């Protein structure tokens, strides 16, 4: 799933979803691929991850792709590393399988309470007219994520959907009113 969903998100991002000159946050960056993809259009990209190994991997990829002047990587959980900051665009390819992660590796796939915490914290990190793009899969806890977004009072719009035969991938736009 990781290898099938990420390229779809990248394709959609490169299709004009990153506003020119925007401040972008990539939550749960992993390898940093979404942050790197957003860099050509963004004024500044901040990528965060709670896993030190992911942060190091993203740091290496950011340097390798020569975007270290516009992409900054920070270690920390969700919005903790960007307390008090606001963004025009928040990107998130979350761990969307249900269940509590038992290891750091499982945290990349098992959501635990990620959906609720992301939804509750998003509004205070969106700039005026800011939005978030979140990709979800039908084989994960898509309904749980959408319920968390709704309970947090976020406006949800489906921007893209693709049938990958074994799963349907959807890109949701979230905004706070």
Protein backbone atom coordinates (compact mmCIF):
# COMPACT_ATOMS: atom_id res chain seq x y z
CA UNK A 1 0.00 0.00 0.00
CA UNK A 2 2.77 2.44 0.91
CA UNK A 3 4.38 1.98 -2.49
CA UNK A 4 1.09 2.29 -4.38
CA UNK A 5 -0.44 5.24 -2.55
CA UNK A 6 2.55 7.59 -2.38
CA UNK A 7 3.11 7.81 -6.17
CA UNK A 8 -0.58 8.62 -6.63
CA UNK A 9 -0.33 11.43 -4.05
CA UNK A 10 2.82 12.73 -5.78
CA UNK A 11 1.08 12.74 -9.15
CA UNK A 12 -1.84 14.72 -7.73
CA UNK A 13 0.48 17.17 -5.94
CA UNK A 14 2.44 17.84 -9.11
CA UNK A 15 -0.87 18.55 -10.85
CA UNK A 16 -1.07 22.01 -9.31
CA UNK A 17 -2.24 21.44 -5.73
CA UNK A 18 0.64 23.35 -4.10
CA UNK A 19 0.02 27.11 -4.28
CA UNK A 20 2.98 29.14 -5.50
CA UNK A 21 4.73 30.90 -2.62
CA UNK A 22 2.89 28.93 0.07
CA UNK A 23 4.03 27.78 3.49
CA UNK A 24 3.67 23.99 3.55
CA UNK A 25 3.73 21.48 6.40
CA UNK A 26 4.24 17.76 5.75
CA UNK A 27 3.01 15.84 8.82
CA UNK A 28 4.50 12.37 9.25
CA UNK A 29 6.95 12.96 6.42
CA UNK A 30 8.67 9.56 6.53
CA UNK A 31 11.18 9.69 3.68
CA UNK A 32 10.35 13.33 2.93
CA UNK A 33 9.05 12.62 -0.56
CA UNK A 34 5.92 14.82 -0.26
CA UNK A 35 7.94 17.71 1.19
CA UNK A 36 10.45 17.40 -1.64
CA UNK A 37 7.65 17.32 -4.22
CA UNK A 38 6.07 20.49 -2.76
CA UNK A 39 9.36 22.42 -2.66
CA UNK A 40 9.38 23.77 -6.25
CA UNK A 41 6.17 25.76 -5.63
CA UNK A 42 6.35 26.50 -1.92
CA UNK A 43 8.12 29.41 -0.31
CA UNK A 44 8.99 27.16 2.62
CA UNK A 45 8.27 23.53 3.55
CA UNK A 46 8.55 22.12 7.05
CA UNK A 47 8.49 18.33 7.33
CA UNK A 48 7.90 16.64 10.70
CA UNK A 49 8.09 13.06 11.90
CA UNK A 50 8.18 11.43 15.32
CA UNK A 51 10.61 8.71 14.26
CA UNK A 52 14.30 9.75 14.47
CA UNK A 53 15.22 7.25 11.72
CA UNK A 54 12.58 8.77 9.41
CA UNK A 55 13.87 12.27 10.17
CA UNK A 56 17.41 11.20 9.25
CA UNK A 57 16.18 9.50 6.07
CA UNK A 58 14.19 12.61 5.10
CA UNK A 59 17.20 14.82 5.86
CA UNK A 60 19.37 12.73 3.51
CA UNK A 61 16.70 12.78 0.77
CA UNK A 62 16.22 16.54 1.13
CA UNK A 63 19.97 17.10 0.72
CA UNK A 64 20.21 14.58 -2.14
CA UNK A 65 17.41 16.40 -3.98
CA UNK A 66 19.03 19.81 -3.40
CA UNK A 67 16.01 21.32 -1.64
CA UNK A 68 17.67 21.84 1.74
CA UNK A 69 17.39 25.60 1.21
CA UNK A 70 13.60 25.44 1.14
CA UNK A 71 12.73 22.29 3.14
CA UNK A 72 13.36 21.99 6.86
CA UNK A 73 12.96 18.73 8.79
CA UNK A 74 11.95 18.63 12.45
CA UNK A 75 11.66 15.76 14.94
CA UNK A 76 8.44 15.56 16.95
CA UNK A 77 4.89 14.30 17.16
CA UNK A 78 2.28 15.76 14.79
CA UNK A 79 2.03 19.53 15.33
CA UNK A 80 4.34 19.70 18.38
CA UNK A 81 7.41 20.82 16.37
CA UNK A 82 5.44 23.67 14.75
CA UNK A 83 3.65 25.04 17.81
CA UNK A 84 2.34 28.55 17.09
CA UNK A 85 3.02 28.32 13.34
CA UNK A 86 0.40 28.44 10.57
CA UNK A 87 0.50 27.02 7.07
CA UNK A 88 -1.27 27.54 3.76
CA UNK A 89 -1.11 23.83 3.02
CA UNK A 90 -0.74 20.79 5.26
CA UNK A 91 0.09 17.46 3.60
CA UNK A 92 -0.53 14.12 5.25
CA UNK A 93 -0.16 10.52 4.10
CA UNK A 94 -1.15 9.06 7.47
CA UNK A 95 -0.80 5.61 8.96
CA UNK A 96 -4.35 4.55 8.14
CA UNK A 97 -4.67 0.94 9.32
CA UNK A 98 -6.59 0.58 12.59
CA UNK A 99 -4.87 -0.52 15.78
CA UNK A 100 -2.23 0.69 18.18
CA UNK A 101 1.33 0.48 16.90
CA UNK A 102 3.59 -1.74 19.01
CA UNK A 103 6.84 -0.61 17.34
CA UNK A 104 8.18 2.46 15.53
CA UNK A 105 7.85 0.54 12.27
CA UNK A 106 4.17 -0.20 12.95
CA UNK A 107 3.61 3.51 13.65
CA UNK A 108 4.07 4.07 9.92
CA UNK A 109 1.04 1.83 9.23
CA UNK A 110 -1.15 1.60 12.36
CA UNK A 111 -3.04 4.78 13.18
CA UNK A 112 -3.81 4.44 16.89
CA UNK A 113 -5.34 7.82 17.79
CA UNK A 114 -3.59 9.67 14.94
CA UNK A 115 -6.83 10.66 13.14
CA UNK A 116 -8.36 12.27 16.22
CA UNK A 117 -5.18 14.10 17.26
CA UNK A 118 -4.49 15.31 13.71
CA UNK A 119 -8.07 16.53 13.27
CA UNK A 120 -8.14 18.30 16.64
CA UNK A 121 -4.81 20.07 16.06
CA UNK A 122 -5.18 20.98 12.40
CA UNK A 123 -7.33 24.11 12.73
CA UNK A 124 -4.84 26.02 14.86
CA UNK A 125 -2.12 25.41 12.27
CA UNK A 126 -4.00 26.48 9.15
CA UNK A 127 -3.48 30.02 7.89
CA UNK A 128 -6.54 31.99 6.83
CA UNK A 129 -7.87 30.12 3.78
CA UNK A 130 -5.43 27.31 4.54
CA UNK A 131 -6.24 23.70 3.78
CA UNK A 132 -4.95 20.19 4.32
CA UNK A 133 -4.62 17.38 1.79
CA UNK A 134 -4.93 13.90 3.27
CA UNK A 135 -4.77 10.69 1.26
CA UNK A 136 -6.67 7.64 2.53
CA UNK A 137 -7.24 4.12 1.30
CA UNK A 138 -10.37 2.01 1.33
CA UNK A 139 -8.38 -0.85 2.89
CA UNK A 140 -7.58 1.32 5.92
CA UNK A 141 -9.80 3.01 8.49
CA UNK A 142 -11.08 5.62 6.04
CA UNK A 143 -14.44 5.89 7.83
CA UNK A 144 -12.70 6.46 11.17
CA UNK A 145 -10.57 9.26 9.74
CA UNK A 146 -13.56 10.95 8.10
CA UNK A 147 -15.52 10.70 11.36
CA UNK A 148 -12.63 12.30 13.29
CA UNK A 149 -12.43 15.11 10.72
CA UNK A 150 -16.16 15.70 10.95
CA UNK A 151 -16.20 15.62 14.77
CA UNK A 152 -13.44 18.25 14.79
CA UNK A 153 -15.68 20.52 12.71
CA UNK A 154 -13.52 20.37 9.59
CA UNK A 155 -14.99 20.84 6.13
CA UNK A 156 -14.26 17.77 4.02
CA UNK A 157 -14.17 17.70 0.23
CA UNK A 158 -13.13 14.77 -1.96
CA UNK A 159 -10.67 16.13 -4.54
CA UNK A 160 -9.50 12.97 -6.27
CA UNK A 161 -10.27 9.27 -6.26
CA UNK A 162 -8.49 6.42 -8.00
CA UNK A 163 -9.38 2.73 -8.20
CA UNK A 164 -6.20 0.67 -7.86
CA UNK A 165 -8.18 -2.58 -8.22
CA UNK A 166 -7.41 -3.91 -4.72
CA UNK A 167 -8.17 -0.56 -3.06
CA UNK A 168 -9.62 2.85 -3.77
CA UNK A 169 -7.40 5.79 -2.92
CA UNK A 170 -9.03 9.13 -2.11
CA UNK A 171 -7.53 12.57 -1.64
CA UNK A 172 -9.46 14.71 0.82
CA UNK A 173 -9.21 18.46 1.25
CA UNK A 174 -9.84 19.67 4.79
CA UNK A 175 -10.46 23.22 5.88
CA UNK A 176 -11.50 24.88 9.12
CA UNK A 177 -14.38 27.35 9.12
